[in-house]
C-alpha atoms as a PDB file:
ATOM      1  CA  ILE A   1       2.604  -0.144 -20.335  1.00  0.00           C
ATOM      2  CA  ALA A   2       0.564  -1.373 -17.580  1.00  0.00           C
ATOM      3  CA  LYS A   3      -1.748  -3.873 -20.084  1.00  0.00           C
ATOM      4  CA  ASN A   4       1.638  -5.612 -20.535  1.00  0.00           C
ATOM      5  CA  MET A   5       2.386  -6.293 -17.402  1.00  0.00           C
ATOM      6  CA  GLU A   6       1.587  -9.584 -15.788  1.00  0.00           C
ATOM      7  CA  TRP A   7      -0.247 -10.545 -12.933  1.00  0.00           C
ATOM      8  CA  GLU A   8       1.788 -11.652  -9.503  1.00  0.00           C
ATOM      9  CA  GLU A   9      -0.240 -14.145  -7.337  1.00  0.00           C
ATOM     10  CA  LEU A  10       0.766 -13.112  -3.925  1.00  0.00           C
ATOM     11  CA  GLY A  11      -1.160 -16.086  -1.958  1.00  0.00           C
ATOM     12  CA  GLY A  12      -4.272 -15.735   0.165  1.00  0.00           C
ATOM     13  CA  GLY A  13      -6.450 -14.772  -2.757  1.00  0.00           C
ATOM     14  CA  VAL A  14      -4.193 -11.944  -3.501  1.00  0.00           C
ATOM     15  CA  SER A  15      -2.604 -10.937  -6.763  1.00  0.00           C
ATOM     16  CA  ARG A  16      -0.916  -7.869  -8.097  1.00  0.00           C
ATOM     17  CA  LYS A  17       0.059  -5.954 -11.121  1.00  0.00           C
ATOM     18  CA  PHE A  18       2.398  -2.848 -11.353  1.00  0.00           C
ATOM     19  CA  LEU A  19       1.218  -0.256 -13.612  1.00  0.00           C
ATOM     20  CA  GLY A  20       4.184   2.165 -13.308  1.00  0.00           C
ATOM     21  CA  PHE A  21       6.795   3.017 -11.323  1.00  0.00           C
ATOM     22  CA  ASP A  22      10.474   4.976 -11.471  1.00  0.00           C
ATOM     23  CA  ASN A  23      12.396   5.286  -8.100  1.00  0.00           C
ATOM     24  CA  GLN A  24      10.302   8.413  -7.067  1.00  0.00           C
ATOM     25  CA  ILE A  25       6.896   6.514  -7.251  1.00  0.00           C
ATOM     26  CA  MET A  26       5.174   3.099  -7.547  1.00  0.00           C
ATOM     27  CA  MET A  27       1.405   2.580  -8.688  1.00  0.00           C
ATOM     28  CA  VAL A  28      -0.031  -1.296  -8.344  1.00  0.00           C
ATOM     29  CA  GLN A  29      -3.292  -2.600  -8.719  1.00  0.00           C
ATOM     30  CA  VAL A  30      -4.142  -5.060  -6.240  1.00  0.00           C
ATOM     31  CA  LYS A  31      -6.873  -7.868  -6.650  1.00  0.00           C
ATOM     32  CA  PHE A  32      -8.742  -9.158  -3.614  1.00  0.00           C
ATOM     33  CA  GLU A  33     -10.872 -12.156  -3.063  1.00  0.00           C
ATOM     34  CA  LYS A  34     -13.563 -12.282  -0.538  1.00  0.00           C
ATOM     35  CA  GLY A  35     -12.044 -12.830   2.822  1.00  0.00           C
ATOM     36  CA  ALA A  36      -8.599 -12.089   1.965  1.00  0.00           C
ATOM     37  CA  LEU A  37      -6.138 -10.178   4.596  1.00  0.00           C
ATOM     38  CA  GLY A  38      -3.526  -8.018   4.125  1.00  0.00           C
ATOM     39  CA  SER A  39      -1.691  -8.851   7.473  1.00  0.00           C
ATOM     40  CA  PRO A  40      -0.726  -5.732   9.626  1.00  0.00           C
ATOM     41  CA  HIS A  41       2.470  -4.116   8.282  1.00  0.00           C
ATOM     42  CA  HIS A  42       4.626  -1.195   8.285  1.00  0.00           C
ATOM     43  CA  HIS A  43       6.943   0.323   5.675  1.00  0.00           C
ATOM     44  CA  PHE A  44       8.769   3.658   5.313  1.00  0.00           C
ATOM     45  CA  HIS A  45       6.882   4.525   2.382  1.00  0.00           C
ATOM     46  CA  THR A  46       4.085   6.975   2.092  1.00  0.00           C
ATOM     47  CA  GLN A  47       0.943   5.151   0.505  1.00  0.00           C
ATOM     48  CA  ALA A  48      -2.038   6.247  -1.147  1.00  0.00           C
ATOM     49  CA  THR A  49      -4.794   3.728  -1.948  1.00  0.00           C
ATOM     50  CA  TYR A  50      -7.946   4.205  -3.933  1.00  0.00           C
ATOM     51  CA  VAL A  51     -10.641   1.490  -3.579  1.00  0.00           C
ATOM     52  CA  VAL A  52     -11.795   0.491  -7.439  1.00  0.00           C
ATOM     53  CA  LYS A  53     -14.409  -1.798  -6.650  1.00  0.00           C
ATOM     54  CA  GLY A  54     -15.586  -4.302  -3.477  1.00  0.00           C
ATOM     55  CA  LYS A  55     -15.470  -3.442   0.266  1.00  0.00           C
ATOM     56  CA  PHE A  56     -12.608  -3.366   2.733  1.00  0.00           C
ATOM     57  CA  GLU A  57     -12.000  -2.820   6.252  1.00  0.00           C
ATOM     58  CA  PHE A  58      -8.651  -0.790   6.836  1.00  0.00           C
ATOM     59  CA  GLU A  59      -7.131  -0.405  10.123  1.00  0.00           C
ATOM     60  CA  VAL A  60      -4.439   2.377  10.168  1.00  0.00           C
ATOM     61  CA  ASP A  61      -2.720   3.320  13.558  1.00  0.00           C
ATOM     62  CA  GLY A  62      -5.529   1.405  15.467  1.00  0.00           C
ATOM     63  CA  ASP A  63      -8.137   3.330  13.768  1.00  0.00           C
ATOM     64  CA  LYS A  64     -10.606   1.127  11.866  1.00  0.00           C
ATOM     65  CA  GLN A  65     -12.695   2.137   8.982  1.00  0.00           C
ATOM     66  CA  ILE A  66     -14.960   0.612   6.047  1.00  0.00           C
ATOM     67  CA  VAL A  67     -14.134   1.546   2.456  1.00  0.00           C
ATOM     68  CA  GLU A  68     -15.739   1.174  -0.667  1.00  0.00           C
ATOM     69  CA  ALA A  69     -15.910   1.887  -4.333  1.00  0.00           C
ATOM     70  CA  GLY A  70     -14.470   5.552  -4.635  1.00  0.00           C
ATOM     71  CA  ASP A  71     -12.810   6.092  -1.485  1.00  0.00           C
ATOM     72  CA  GLY A  72      -9.132   6.345  -0.759  1.00  0.00           C
ATOM     73  CA  VAL A  73      -6.798   5.949   2.215  1.00  0.00           C
ATOM     74  CA  TYR A  74      -3.868   8.073   3.029  1.00  0.00           C
ATOM     75  CA  ILE A  75      -1.128   5.931   4.845  1.00  0.00           C
ATOM     76  CA  GLU A  76       1.781   7.793   6.364  1.00  0.00           C
ATOM     77  CA  PRO A  77       5.342   6.136   6.670  1.00  0.00           C
ATOM     78  CA  ASN A  78       5.807   3.781   9.345  1.00  0.00           C
ATOM     79  CA  LEU A  79       2.152   3.658  10.348  1.00  0.00           C
ATOM     80  CA  LEU A  80       0.838  -0.069  11.040  1.00  0.00           C
ATOM     81  CA  HIS A  81      -1.539  -1.083   8.916  1.00  0.00           C
ATOM     82  CA  SER A  82      -3.807  -3.863   7.379  1.00  0.00           C
ATOM     83  CA  ALA A  83      -6.807  -4.360   5.203  1.00  0.00           C
ATOM     84  CA  VAL A  84      -9.955  -7.344   5.468  1.00  0.00           C
ATOM     85  CA  CYS A  85     -11.363  -7.768   2.197  1.00  0.00           C
ATOM     86  CA  LEU A  86     -15.335  -7.376   2.802  1.00  0.00           C
ATOM     87  CA  GLU A  87     -16.462  -7.918  -0.562  1.00  0.00           C
ATOM     88  CA  GLU A  88     -13.960  -9.365  -3.289  1.00  0.00           C
ATOM     89  CA  GLY A  89     -12.543  -6.033  -4.825  1.00  0.00           C
ATOM     90  CA  ILE A  90      -9.725  -4.310  -6.268  1.00  0.00           C
ATOM     91  CA  LEU A  91      -7.296  -1.705  -5.021  1.00  0.00           C
ATOM     92  CA  ILE A  92      -4.693   1.013  -6.436  1.00  0.00           C
ATOM     93  CA  ASP A  93      -1.622   1.568  -4.335  1.00  0.00           C
ATOM     94  CA  VAL A  94       0.623   4.374  -4.777  1.00  0.00           C
ATOM     95  CA  PHE A  95       3.880   4.358  -2.807  1.00  0.00           C
ATOM     96  CA  SER A  96       6.418   6.807  -2.594  1.00  0.00           C
ATOM     97  CA  PRO A  97       9.292   6.064  -2.861  1.00  0.00           C
ATOM     98  CA  VAL A  98       9.411   3.066  -5.233  1.00  0.00           C
ATOM     99  CA  ARG A  99       9.061  -0.623  -3.253  1.00  0.00           C
ATOM    100  CA  GLU A 100      12.375  -1.635  -3.979  1.00  0.00           C
ATOM    101  CA  ASP A 101      11.491  -4.966  -2.093  1.00  0.00           C
ATOM    102  CA  PHE A 102       8.022  -5.449  -4.435  1.00  0.00           C
ATOM    103  CA  LEU A 103      10.806  -5.704  -7.640  1.00  0.00           C
ATOM    104  CA  ASP A 104      13.471  -7.797  -5.973  1.00  0.00           C
ATOM    105  CA  GLY A 105      11.447  -9.797  -4.099  1.00  0.00           C
ATOM    106  CA  SER A 106      12.746  -9.556  -0.589  1.00  0.00           C
ATOM    107  CA  GLY A 107       9.758  -7.903   1.086  1.00  0.00           C
ATOM    108  CA  VAL A 108       7.980  -9.940   3.483  1.00  0.00           C
ATOM    109  CA  SER A 109       4.427 -11.510   2.382  1.00  0.00           C
ATOM    110  CA  TYR A 110       1.322  -9.809   3.844  1.00  0.00           C
ATOM    111  CA  PHE A 111      -1.040 -12.120   2.210  1.00  0.00           C
ATOM    112  CA  GLY A 112       0.166 -15.721   3.236  1.00  0.00           C
ATOM    113  CA  ASP A 113       1.377 -18.537   1.397  1.00  0.00           C
ATOM    114  CA  LYS A 114       1.866 -18.145  -2.866  1.00  0.00           C
ATOM    115  CA  LYS A 115      -0.169 -20.870  -4.517  1.00  0.00           C
END
């Protein structure tokens, strides 16, 4: 149950909490402080992101767009993407398949150094 899962500090003003996952899909809640950056990266997973609150500038495959609460972003596998938090906010990221690199800690940090 998601309310029993712990927040993980990712550094750079970003923290996350797993909301649920199996080998097919993963849902993650991500909190951003104003000015926090999700550095440009890509992965083989399909990603859909819902903006719960705040305002973000997303860049996906060279296309920049401002999104805010109630908006969604779809990111195809292997597309270079990044985000800048313009107003403190929360995102819900959904990945398919599961982000094994998140679970085993082998993934590269997109958010700077952990505190």
